PDB file of N, CA and C in Angstrom:
ATOM      1  N   MET A   1     -93.660 -76.330  63.109  1.00  0.00           N
ATOM      2  CA  MET A   1     -94.573 -76.816  62.167  1.00  0.00           C
ATOM      3  C   MET A   1     -95.930 -76.068  62.445  1.00  0.00           C
ATOM      4  N   ILE A   2     -96.465 -75.434  61.430  1.00  0.00           N
ATOM      5  CA  ILE A   2     -97.760 -74.777  61.506  1.00  0.00           C
ATOM      6  C   ILE A   2     -98.597 -75.140  60.346  1.00  0.00           C
ATOM      7  N   ASN A   3     -99.934 -75.031  60.531  1.00  0.00           N
ATOM      8  CA  ASN A   3    -100.873 -75.227  59.462  1.00  0.00           C
ATOM      9  C   ASN A   3    -102.111 -74.398  59.682  1.00  0.00           C
ATOM     10  N   GLU A   4    -103.173 -74.649  58.912  1.00  0.00           N
ATOM     11  CA  GLU A   4    -104.416 -73.889  58.982  1.00  0.00           C
ATOM     12  C   GLU A   4    -105.101 -74.004  60.352  1.00  0.00           C
ATOM     13  N   TYR A   5    -104.666 -75.031  61.167  1.00  0.00           N
ATOM     14  CA  TYR A   5    -105.238 -75.190  62.470  1.00  0.00           C
ATOM     15  C   TYR A   5    -104.455 -74.476  63.597  1.00  0.00           C
ATOM     16  N   SER A   6    -103.307 -73.958  63.271  1.00  0.00           N
ATOM     17  CA  SER A   6    -102.536 -73.160  64.226  1.00  0.00           C
ATOM     18  C   SER A   6    -103.193 -71.842  64.398  1.00  0.00           C
ATOM     19  N   ALA A   7    -103.576 -71.515  65.618  1.00  0.00           N
ATOM     20  CA  ALA A   7    -104.408 -70.291  65.873  1.00  0.00           C
ATOM     21  C   ALA A   7    -104.038 -69.727  67.214  1.00  0.00           C
ATOM     22  N   SER A   8    -104.280 -68.457  67.408  1.00  0.00           N
ATOM     23  CA  SER A   8    -104.244 -67.794  68.679  1.00  0.00           C
ATOM     24  C   SER A   8    -102.831 -67.844  69.249  1.00  0.00           C
ATOM     25  N   ALA A   9    -102.676 -68.314  70.433  1.00  0.00           N
ATOM     26  CA  ALA A   9    -101.355 -68.320  71.096  1.00  0.00           C
ATOM     27  C   ALA A   9    -100.247 -69.038  70.274  1.00  0.00           C
ATOM     28  N   SER A  10    -100.641 -70.131  69.570  1.00  0.00           N
ATOM     29  CA  SER A  10     -99.572 -70.828  68.829  1.00  0.00           C
ATOM     30  C   SER A  10     -99.114 -69.989  67.636  1.00  0.00           C
ATOM     31  N   GLU A  11    -100.017 -69.195  67.052  1.00  0.00           N
ATOM     32  CA  GLU A  11     -99.599 -68.278  65.955  1.00  0.00           C
ATOM     33  C   GLU A  11     -98.694 -67.143  66.482  1.00  0.00           C
ATOM     34  N   ILE A  12     -99.090 -66.675  67.634  1.00  0.00           N
ATOM     35  CA  ILE A  12     -98.267 -65.562  68.254  1.00  0.00           C
ATOM     36  C   ILE A  12     -96.883 -66.100  68.534  1.00  0.00           C
ATOM     37  N   THR A  13     -96.761 -67.301  69.089  1.00  0.00           N
ATOM     38  CA  THR A  13     -95.502 -67.921  69.448  1.00  0.00           C
ATOM     39  C   THR A  13     -94.675 -68.208  68.218  1.00  0.00           C
ATOM     40  N   ALA A  14     -95.342 -68.776  67.196  1.00  0.00           N
ATOM     41  CA  ALA A  14     -94.627 -69.067  65.874  1.00  0.00           C
ATOM     42  C   ALA A  14     -94.080 -67.808  65.299  1.00  0.00           C
ATOM     43  N   GLY A  15     -94.832 -66.741  65.281  1.00  0.00           N
ATOM     44  CA  GLY A  15     -94.374 -65.475  64.688  1.00  0.00           C
ATOM     45  C   GLY A  15     -93.214 -64.897  65.456  1.00  0.00           C
ATOM     46  N   ALA A  16     -93.256 -65.006  66.759  1.00  0.00           N
ATOM     47  CA  ALA A  16     -92.165 -64.479  67.565  1.00  0.00           C
ATOM     48  C   ALA A  16     -90.874 -65.355  67.367  1.00  0.00           C
ATOM     49  N   LEU A  17     -91.000 -66.637  67.366  1.00  0.00           N
ATOM     50  CA  LEU A  17     -89.870 -67.497  67.126  1.00  0.00           C
ATOM     51  C   LEU A  17     -89.187 -67.242  65.716  1.00  0.00           C
ATOM     52  N   ARG A  18     -90.090 -67.113  64.679  1.00  0.00           N
ATOM     53  CA  ARG A  18     -89.578 -66.772  63.318  1.00  0.00           C
ATOM     54  C   ARG A  18     -88.851 -65.452  63.300  1.00  0.00           C
ATOM     55  N   ASP A  19     -89.544 -64.389  63.809  1.00  0.00           N
ATOM     56  CA  ASP A  19     -88.947 -63.047  63.737  1.00  0.00           C
ATOM     57  C   ASP A  19     -87.661 -62.907  64.567  1.00  0.00           C
ATOM     58  N   LEU A  20     -87.554 -63.611  65.656  1.00  0.00           N
ATOM     59  CA  LEU A  20     -86.386 -63.563  66.483  1.00  0.00           C
ATOM     60  C   LEU A  20     -85.261 -64.491  65.983  1.00  0.00           C
ATOM     61  N   LYS A  21     -85.571 -65.214  64.900  1.00  0.00           N
ATOM     62  CA  LYS A  21     -84.600 -66.095  64.171  1.00  0.00           C
ATOM     63  C   LYS A  21     -84.080 -67.236  65.051  1.00  0.00           C
ATOM     64  N   VAL A  22     -84.972 -67.766  65.878  1.00  0.00           N
ATOM     65  CA  VAL A  22     -84.661 -68.890  66.764  1.00  0.00           C
ATOM     66  C   VAL A  22     -85.314 -70.175  66.241  1.00  0.00           C
ATOM     67  N   ALA A  23     -86.104 -70.045  65.203  1.00  0.00           N
ATOM     68  CA  ALA A  23     -86.828 -71.228  64.671  1.00  0.00           C
ATOM     69  C   ALA A  23     -87.120 -70.973  63.207  1.00  0.00           C
ATOM     70  N   THR A  24     -87.237 -72.094  62.478  1.00  0.00           N
ATOM     71  CA  THR A  24     -87.614 -72.051  61.098  1.00  0.00           C
ATOM     72  C   THR A  24     -89.028 -72.688  60.997  1.00  0.00           C
ATOM     73  N   LEU A  25     -89.993 -71.870  60.540  1.00  0.00           N
ATOM     74  CA  LEU A  25     -91.349 -72.391  60.451  1.00  0.00           C
ATOM     75  C   LEU A  25     -91.562 -73.208  59.208  1.00  0.00           C
ATOM     76  N   LEU A  26     -92.257 -74.335  59.312  1.00  0.00           N
ATOM     77  CA  LEU A  26     -92.487 -75.253  58.262  1.00  0.00           C
ATOM     78  C   LEU A  26     -93.905 -75.624  58.215  1.00  0.00           C
ATOM     79  N   GLY A  27     -94.513 -75.792  57.086  1.00  0.00           N
ATOM     80  CA  GLY A  27     -95.887 -76.179  56.883  1.00  0.00           C
ATOM     81  C   GLY A  27     -96.642 -75.285  55.908  1.00  0.00           C
ATOM     82  N   ILE A  28     -97.799 -74.837  56.304  1.00  0.00           N
ATOM     83  CA  ILE A  28     -98.611 -73.918  55.517  1.00  0.00           C
ATOM     84  C   ILE A  28     -99.023 -72.769  56.389  1.00  0.00           C
ATOM     85  N   THR A  29     -99.529 -71.710  55.823  1.00  0.00           N
ATOM     86  CA  THR A  29     -99.918 -70.529  56.519  1.00  0.00           C
ATOM     87  C   THR A  29    -100.959 -70.790  57.633  1.00  0.00           C
ATOM     88  N   ALA A  30    -100.676 -70.276  58.768  1.00  0.00           N
ATOM     89  CA  ALA A  30    -101.539 -70.507  59.959  1.00  0.00           C
ATOM     90  C   ALA A  30    -102.854 -69.741  59.706  1.00  0.00           C
ATOM     91  N   SER A  31    -103.815 -70.022  60.633  1.00  0.00           N
ATOM     92  CA  SER A  31    -105.189 -69.597  60.485  1.00  0.00           C
ATOM     93  C   SER A  31    -105.501 -68.047  60.435  1.00  0.00           C
ATOM     94  N   GLY A  32    -104.647 -67.279  61.123  1.00  0.00           N
ATOM     95  CA  GLY A  32    -104.999 -65.844  61.180  1.00  0.00           C
ATOM     96  C   GLY A  32    -106.096 -65.506  62.181  1.00  0.00           C
ATOM     97  N   ARG A  33    -106.251 -66.361  63.174  1.00  0.00           N
ATOM     98  CA  ARG A  33    -107.242 -66.163  64.201  1.00  0.00           C
ATOM     99  C   ARG A  33    -106.584 -65.806  65.513  1.00  0.00           C
ATOM    100  N   ALA A  34    -105.939 -64.665  65.581  1.00  0.00           N
ATOM    101  CA  ALA A  34    -105.292 -64.271  66.797  1.00  0.00           C
ATOM    102  C   ALA A  34    -105.695 -62.927  67.386  1.00  0.00           C
ATOM    103  N   PRO A  35    -106.905 -62.452  67.199  1.00  0.00           N
ATOM    104  CA  PRO A  35    -107.288 -61.213  67.879  1.00  0.00           C
ATOM    105  C   PRO A  35    -107.758 -61.585  69.299  1.00  0.00           C
ATOM    106  N   SER A  36    -107.802 -60.558  70.148  1.00  0.00           N
ATOM    107  CA  SER A  36    -108.326 -60.733  71.459  1.00  0.00           C
ATOM    108  C   SER A  36    -109.803 -60.145  71.423  1.00  0.00           C
ATOM    109  N   ARG A  37    -110.767 -60.933  71.738  1.00  0.00           N
ATOM    110  CA  ARG A  37    -112.186 -60.505  71.658  1.00  0.00           C
ATOM    111  C   ARG A  37    -112.820 -60.659  72.992  1.00  0.00           C
ATOM    112  N   ASN A  38    -113.750 -59.749  73.244  1.00  0.00           N
ATOM    113  CA  ASN A  38    -114.653 -59.857  74.361  1.00  0.00           C
ATOM    114  C   ASN A  38    -116.086 -59.965  73.924  1.00  0.00           C
ATOM    115  N   SER A  39    -116.878 -60.704  74.599  1.00  0.00           N
ATOM    116  CA  SER A  39    -118.308 -60.772  74.331  1.00  0.00           C
ATOM    117  C   SER A  39    -119.146 -59.840  75.209  1.00  0.00           C
ATOM    118  N   LEU A  40    -120.072 -59.147  74.577  1.00  0.00           N
ATOM    119  CA  LEU A  40    -120.915 -58.229  75.290  1.00  0.00           C
ATOM    120  C   LEU A  40    -122.377 -58.702  75.164  1.00  0.00           C
ATOM    121  N   SER A  41    -123.074 -58.843  76.270  1.00  0.00           N
ATOM    122  CA  SER A  41    -124.493 -59.287  76.146  1.00  0.00           C
ATOM    123  C   SER A  41    -125.406 -58.077  76.450  1.00  0.00           C
ATOM    124  N   SER A  42    -126.453 -58.046  75.614  1.00  0.00           N
ATOM    125  CA  SER A  42    -127.455 -56.963  75.817  1.00  0.00           C
ATOM    126  C   SER A  42    -128.591 -57.410  76.664  1.00  0.00           C
ATOM    127  N   ILE A  43    -129.459 -56.521  76.983  1.00  0.00           N
ATOM    128  CA  ILE A  43    -130.666 -56.879  77.819  1.00  0.00           C
ATOM    129  C   ILE A  43    -131.508 -57.867  77.088  1.00  0.00           C
ATOM    130  N   LYS A  44    -131.624 -57.852  75.836  1.00  0.00           N
ATOM    131  CA  LYS A  44    -132.398 -58.782  75.011  1.00  0.00           C
ATOM    132  C   LYS A  44    -131.685 -60.081  74.700  1.00  0.00           C
ATOM    133  N   LYS A  45    -130.647 -60.391  75.353  1.00  0.00           N
ATOM    134  CA  LYS A  45    -129.866 -61.630  75.264  1.00  0.00           C
ATOM    135  C   LYS A  45    -129.105 -61.712  73.935  1.00  0.00           C
ATOM    136  N   ALA A  46    -128.932 -60.591  73.203  1.00  0.00           N
ATOM    137  CA  ALA A  46    -128.141 -60.657  72.027  1.00  0.00           C
ATOM    138  C   ALA A  46    -126.607 -60.565  72.473  1.00  0.00           C
ATOM    139  N   GLU A  47    -125.809 -61.164  71.680  1.00  0.00           N
ATOM    140  CA  GLU A  47    -124.393 -61.095  72.033  1.00  0.00           C
ATOM    141  C   GLU A  47    -123.598 -60.488  70.897  1.00  0.00           C
ATOM    142  N   PHE A  48    -122.652 -59.683  71.281  1.00  0.00           N
ATOM    143  CA  PHE A  48    -121.777 -59.064  70.295  1.00  0.00           C
ATOM    144  C   PHE A  48    -120.350 -59.351  70.681  1.00  0.00           C
ATOM    145  N   LYS A  49    -119.557 -59.629  69.664  1.00  0.00           N
ATOM    146  CA  LYS A  49    -118.120 -59.877  69.879  1.00  0.00           C
ATOM    147  C   LYS A  49    -117.321 -58.625  69.365  1.00  0.00           C
ATOM    148  N   VAL A  50    -116.559 -58.111  70.255  1.00  0.00           N
ATOM    149  CA  VAL A  50    -115.790 -56.901  69.927  1.00  0.00           C
ATOM    150  C   VAL A  50    -114.338 -57.192  70.049  1.00  0.00           C
ATOM    151  N   THR A  51    -113.565 -56.899  68.944  1.00  0.00           N
ATOM    152  CA  THR A  51    -112.124 -57.043  69.015  1.00  0.00           C
ATOM    153  C   THR A  51    -111.565 -55.876  69.829  1.00  0.00           C
ATOM    154  N   ILE A  52    -110.794 -56.319  70.894  1.00  0.00           N
ATOM    155  CA  ILE A  52    -110.243 -55.308  71.810  1.00  0.00           C
ATOM    156  C   ILE A  52    -108.713 -55.134  71.659  1.00  0.00           C
ATOM    157  N   ALA A  53    -108.094 -56.107  70.906  1.00  0.00           N
ATOM    158  CA  ALA A  53    -106.628 -56.017  70.695  1.00  0.00           C
ATOM    159  C   ALA A  53    -106.279 -56.763  69.435  1.00  0.00           C
ATOM    160  N   ARG A  54    -105.168 -56.334  68.859  1.00  0.00           N
ATOM    161  CA  ARG A  54    -104.610 -57.070  67.657  1.00  0.00           C
ATOM    162  C   ARG A  54    -103.201 -57.440  68.047  1.00  0.00           C
ATOM    163  N   PHE A  55    -102.786 -58.581  67.588  1.00  0.00           N
ATOM    164  CA  PHE A  55    -101.456 -59.058  67.863  1.00  0.00           C
ATOM    165  C   PHE A  55    -100.579 -58.889  66.653  1.00  0.00           C
ATOM    166  N   TYR A  56     -99.348 -58.510  66.927  1.00  0.00           N
ATOM    167  CA  TYR A  56     -98.369 -58.263  65.888  1.00  0.00           C
ATOM    168  C   TYR A  56     -97.070 -59.165  66.248  1.00  0.00           C
ATOM    169  N   SER A  57     -96.401 -59.647  65.213  1.00  0.00           N
ATOM    170  CA  SER A  57     -95.167 -60.301  65.441  1.00  0.00           C
ATOM    171  C   SER A  57     -94.104 -59.250  65.848  1.00  0.00           C
ATOM    172  N   PRO A  58     -92.974 -59.667  66.357  1.00  0.00           N
ATOM    173  CA  PRO A  58     -91.914 -58.690  66.721  1.00  0.00           C
ATOM    174  C   PRO A  58     -91.471 -57.831  65.608  1.00  0.00           C
ATOM    175  N   ASN A  59     -91.606 -58.291  64.287  1.00  0.00           N
ATOM    176  CA  ASN A  59     -91.301 -57.480  63.101  1.00  0.00           C
ATOM    177  C   ASN A  59     -92.425 -56.587  62.718  1.00  0.00           C
ATOM    178  N   GLY A  60     -93.573 -56.607  63.429  1.00  0.00           N
ATOM    179  CA  GLY A  60     -94.663 -55.745  63.164  1.00  0.00           C
ATOM    180  C   GLY A  60     -95.678 -56.332  62.208  1.00  0.00           C
ATOM    181  N   ASP A  61     -95.587 -57.637  61.827  1.00  0.00           N
ATOM    182  CA  ASP A  61     -96.576 -58.260  60.953  1.00  0.00           C
ATOM    183  C   ASP A  61     -97.914 -58.419  61.753  1.00  0.00           C
ATOM    184  N   VAL A  62     -98.991 -58.044  61.134  1.00  0.00           N
ATOM    185  CA  VAL A  62    -100.336 -58.271  61.731  1.00  0.00           C
ATOM    186  C   VAL A  62    -100.627 -59.782  61.587  1.00  0.00           C
ATOM    187  N   ILE A  63    -101.116 -60.393  62.616  1.00  0.00           N
ATOM    188  CA  ILE A  63    -101.465 -61.810  62.518  1.00  0.00           C
ATOM    189  C   ILE A  63    -102.928 -62.056  62.153  1.00  0.00           C
ATOM    190  N   ASP A  64    -103.819 -61.218  62.721  1.00  0.00           N
ATOM    191  CA  ASP A  64    -105.282 -61.381  62.544  1.00  0.00           C
ATOM    192  C   ASP A  64    -105.596 -61.289  61.051  1.00  0.00           C
ATOM    193  N   LYS A  65    -106.382 -62.292  60.627  1.00  0.00           N
ATOM    194  CA  LYS A  65    -106.911 -62.468  59.299  1.00  0.00           C
ATOM    195  C   LYS A  65    -105.856 -62.700  58.149  1.00  0.00           C
ATOM    196  N   LYS A  66    -104.621 -62.644  58.544  1.00  0.00           N
ATOM    197  CA  LYS A  66    -103.520 -62.851  57.586  1.00  0.00           C
ATOM    198  C   LYS A  66    -102.815 -64.179  57.873  1.00  0.00           C
ATOM    199  N   GLY A  67    -102.539 -64.448  59.115  1.00  0.00           N
ATOM    200  CA  GLY A  67    -101.898 -65.687  59.499  1.00  0.00           C
ATOM    201  C   GLY A  67    -100.403 -65.483  59.474  1.00  0.00           C
ATOM    202  N   ILE A  68     -99.670 -66.420  59.959  1.00  0.00           N
ATOM    203  CA  ILE A  68     -98.192 -66.467  59.977  1.00  0.00           C
ATOM    204  C   ILE A  68     -97.778 -67.402  58.825  1.00  0.00           C
ATOM    205  N   GLU A  69     -96.904 -66.912  58.027  1.00  0.00           N
ATOM    206  CA  GLU A  69     -96.454 -67.750  56.907  1.00  0.00           C
ATOM    207  C   GLU A  69     -95.093 -68.458  57.235  1.00  0.00           C
ATOM    208  N   PRO A  70     -94.979 -69.721  56.895  1.00  0.00           N
ATOM    209  CA  PRO A  70     -93.766 -70.449  57.181  1.00  0.00           C
ATOM    210  C   PRO A  70     -92.684 -70.086  56.191  1.00  0.00           C
ATOM    211  N   GLN A  71     -91.444 -70.277  56.565  1.00  0.00           N
ATOM    212  CA  GLN A  71     -90.375 -70.091  55.622  1.00  0.00           C
ATOM    213  C   GLN A  71     -90.210 -71.216  54.730  1.00  0.00           C
ATOM    214  N   VAL A  72     -90.565 -72.439  55.157  1.00  0.00           N
ATOM    215  CA  VAL A  72     -90.506 -73.616  54.340  1.00  0.00           C
ATOM    216  C   VAL A  72     -91.944 -74.147  54.127  1.00  0.00           C
ATOM    217  N   VAL A  73     -92.464 -74.043  52.896  1.00  0.00           N
ATOM    218  CA  VAL A  73     -93.860 -74.419  52.656  1.00  0.00           C
ATOM    219  C   VAL A  73     -93.933 -75.924  52.302  1.00  0.00           C
ATOM    220  N   VAL A  74     -94.657 -76.624  53.106  1.00  0.00           N
ATOM    221  CA  VAL A  74     -94.885 -78.046  52.866  1.00  0.00           C
ATOM    222  C   VAL A  74     -96.365 -78.352  53.112  1.00  0.00           C
ATOM    223  N   ASP A  75     -97.083 -78.499  52.028  1.00  0.00           N
ATOM    224  CA  ASP A  75     -98.535 -78.710  52.126  1.00  0.00           C
ATOM    225  C   ASP A  75     -98.802 -80.223  52.437  1.00  0.00           C
ATOM    226  N   MET A  76     -99.810 -80.448  53.265  1.00  0.00           N
ATOM    227  CA  MET A  76    -100.145 -81.823  53.552  1.00  0.00           C
ATOM    228  C   MET A  76    -101.604 -81.899  54.027  1.00  0.00           C
ATOM    229  N   GLU A  77    -102.261 -82.925  53.695  1.00  0.00           N
ATOM    230  CA  GLU A  77    -103.684 -83.151  54.211  1.00  0.00           C
ATOM    231  C   GLU A  77    -103.587 -83.403  55.732  1.00  0.00           C
ATOM    232  N   PRO A  78    -104.397 -82.727  56.525  1.00  0.00           N
ATOM    233  CA  PRO A  78    -104.436 -82.909  57.976  1.00  0.00           C
ATOM    234  C   PRO A  78    -104.553 -84.406  58.360  1.00  0.00           C
ATOM    235  N   ARG A  79    -105.284 -85.154  57.606  1.00  0.00           N
ATOM    236  CA  ARG A  79    -105.430 -86.577  58.014  1.00  0.00           C
ATOM    237  C   ARG A  79    -104.174 -87.367  58.120  1.00  0.00           C
ATOM    238  N   PHE A  80    -103.029 -86.845  57.537  1.00  0.00           N
ATOM    239  CA  PHE A  80    -101.781 -87.554  57.625  1.00  0.00           C
ATOM    240  C   PHE A  80    -100.942 -87.180  58.868  1.00  0.00           C
ATOM    241  N   VAL A  81    -101.366 -86.217  59.605  1.00  0.00           N
ATOM    242  CA  VAL A  81    -100.537 -85.795  60.757  1.00  0.00           C
ATOM    243  C   VAL A  81    -100.300 -86.993  61.673  1.00  0.00           C
ATOM    244  N   GLY A  82     -99.083 -87.242  61.961  1.00  0.00           N
ATOM    245  CA  GLY A  82     -98.667 -88.334  62.888  1.00  0.00           C
ATOM    246  C   GLY A  82     -98.599 -89.681  62.233  1.00  0.00           C
ATOM    247  N   LYS A  83     -99.015 -89.819  60.999  1.00  0.00           N
ATOM    248  CA  LYS A  83     -98.874 -91.035  60.237  1.00  0.00           C
ATOM    249  C   LYS A  83     -97.505 -91.038  59.530  1.00  0.00           C
ATOM    250  N   LEU A  84     -96.560 -91.668  60.131  1.00  0.00           N
ATOM    251  CA  LEU A  84     -95.151 -91.501  59.729  1.00  0.00           C
ATOM    252  C   LEU A  84     -94.911 -91.744  58.271  1.00  0.00           C
ATOM    253  N   GLU A  85     -95.527 -92.683  57.689  1.00  0.00           N
ATOM    254  CA  GLU A  85     -95.294 -93.002  56.296  1.00  0.00           C
ATOM    255  C   GLU A  85     -95.800 -91.917  55.299  1.00  0.00           C
ATOM    256  N   HIS A  86     -96.807 -91.115  55.769  1.00  0.00           N
ATOM    257  CA  HIS A  86     -97.399 -90.065  54.964  1.00  0.00           C
ATOM    258  C   HIS A  86     -97.156 -88.636  55.470  1.00  0.00           C
ATOM    259  N   ASP A  87     -96.578 -88.433  56.625  1.00  0.00           N
ATOM    260  CA  ASP A  87     -96.459 -87.141  57.250  1.00  0.00           C
ATOM    261  C   ASP A  87     -95.237 -86.455  56.685  1.00  0.00           C
ATOM    262  N   VAL A  88     -95.426 -85.774  55.451  1.00  0.00           N
ATOM    263  CA  VAL A  88     -94.346 -85.107  54.786  1.00  0.00           C
ATOM    264  C   VAL A  88     -93.805 -83.951  55.581  1.00  0.00           C
ATOM    265  N   GLN A  89     -94.614 -83.298  56.337  1.00  0.00           N
ATOM    266  CA  GLN A  89     -94.147 -82.131  57.135  1.00  0.00           C
ATOM    267  C   GLN A  89     -93.168 -82.635  58.171  1.00  0.00           C
ATOM    268  N   LEU A  90     -93.487 -83.674  58.866  1.00  0.00           N
ATOM    269  CA  LEU A  90     -92.613 -84.232  59.844  1.00  0.00           C
ATOM    270  C   LEU A  90     -91.277 -84.693  59.209  1.00  0.00           C
ATOM    271  N   LYS A  91     -91.377 -85.366  58.097  1.00  0.00           N
ATOM    272  CA  LYS A  91     -90.189 -85.782  57.376  1.00  0.00           C
ATOM    273  C   LYS A  91     -89.318 -84.615  57.006  1.00  0.00           C
ATOM    274  N   LYS A  92     -89.888 -83.527  56.484  1.00  0.00           N
ATOM    275  CA  LYS A  92     -89.130 -82.386  56.136  1.00  0.00           C
ATOM    276  C   LYS A  92     -88.466 -81.715  57.350  1.00  0.00           C
ATOM    277  N   ALA A  93     -89.229 -81.670  58.523  1.00  0.00           N
ATOM    278  CA  ALA A  93     -88.691 -81.096  59.711  1.00  0.00           C
ATOM    279  C   ALA A  93     -87.501 -81.853  60.188  1.00  0.00           C
ATOM    280  N   VAL A  94     -87.583 -83.183  60.208  1.00  0.00           N
ATOM    281  CA  VAL A  94     -86.449 -84.042  60.544  1.00  0.00           C
ATOM    282  C   VAL A  94     -85.224 -83.768  59.673  1.00  0.00           C
ATOM    283  N   GLU A  95     -85.477 -83.699  58.380  1.00  0.00           N
ATOM    284  CA  GLU A  95     -84.450 -83.399  57.406  1.00  0.00           C
ATOM    285  C   GLU A  95     -83.718 -82.100  57.709  1.00  0.00           C
ATOM    286  N   ILE A  96     -84.544 -80.986  57.994  1.00  0.00           N
ATOM    287  CA  ILE A  96     -84.012 -79.708  58.326  1.00  0.00           C
ATOM    288  C   ILE A  96     -83.197 -79.702  59.577  1.00  0.00           C
ATOM    289  N   LEU A  97     -83.581 -80.496  60.522  1.00  0.00           N
ATOM    290  CA  LEU A  97     -82.875 -80.605  61.801  1.00  0.00           C
ATOM    291  C   LEU A  97     -81.634 -81.487  61.665  1.00  0.00           C
ATOM    292  N   GLY A  98     -81.410 -82.072  60.498  1.00  0.00           N
ATOM    293  CA  GLY A  98     -80.195 -82.875  60.258  1.00  0.00           C
ATOM    294  C   GLY A  98     -80.370 -84.287  60.637  1.00  0.00           C
ATOM    295  N   GLY A  99     -81.601 -84.780  60.759  1.00  0.00           N
ATOM    296  CA  GLY A  99     -81.822 -86.189  61.088  1.00  0.00           C
ATOM    297  C   GLY A  99     -81.814 -87.045  59.845  1.00  0.00           C
ATOM    298  N   ALA A 100     -82.081 -88.317  60.072  1.00  0.00           N
ATOM    299  CA  ALA A 100     -82.069 -89.253  58.939  1.00  0.00           C
ATOM    300  C   ALA A 100     -83.275 -89.176  58.060  1.00  0.00           C
TER     301      ALA A 100
END
């Protein structure tokens, strides 16, 4: 399950699981915030963020600024996460896994 709050390591992991065909991603497109950045400080206390690496899924998809797309799109307001009667993403995940 991924959504707009899935970022960084969780996006990289989700992309790898999807591309290696060991998981089905469900939810909405992840954030696209998976670059590796370093901060550089200057003498005048200014700070610069420099992207030093980009992450790709095993199939070569760029994650940065694009995000990882799920195979099963299930949109849901974040306020319903974990509220069983309203969590349609969790219900769909259970359905896909063969649960009740």
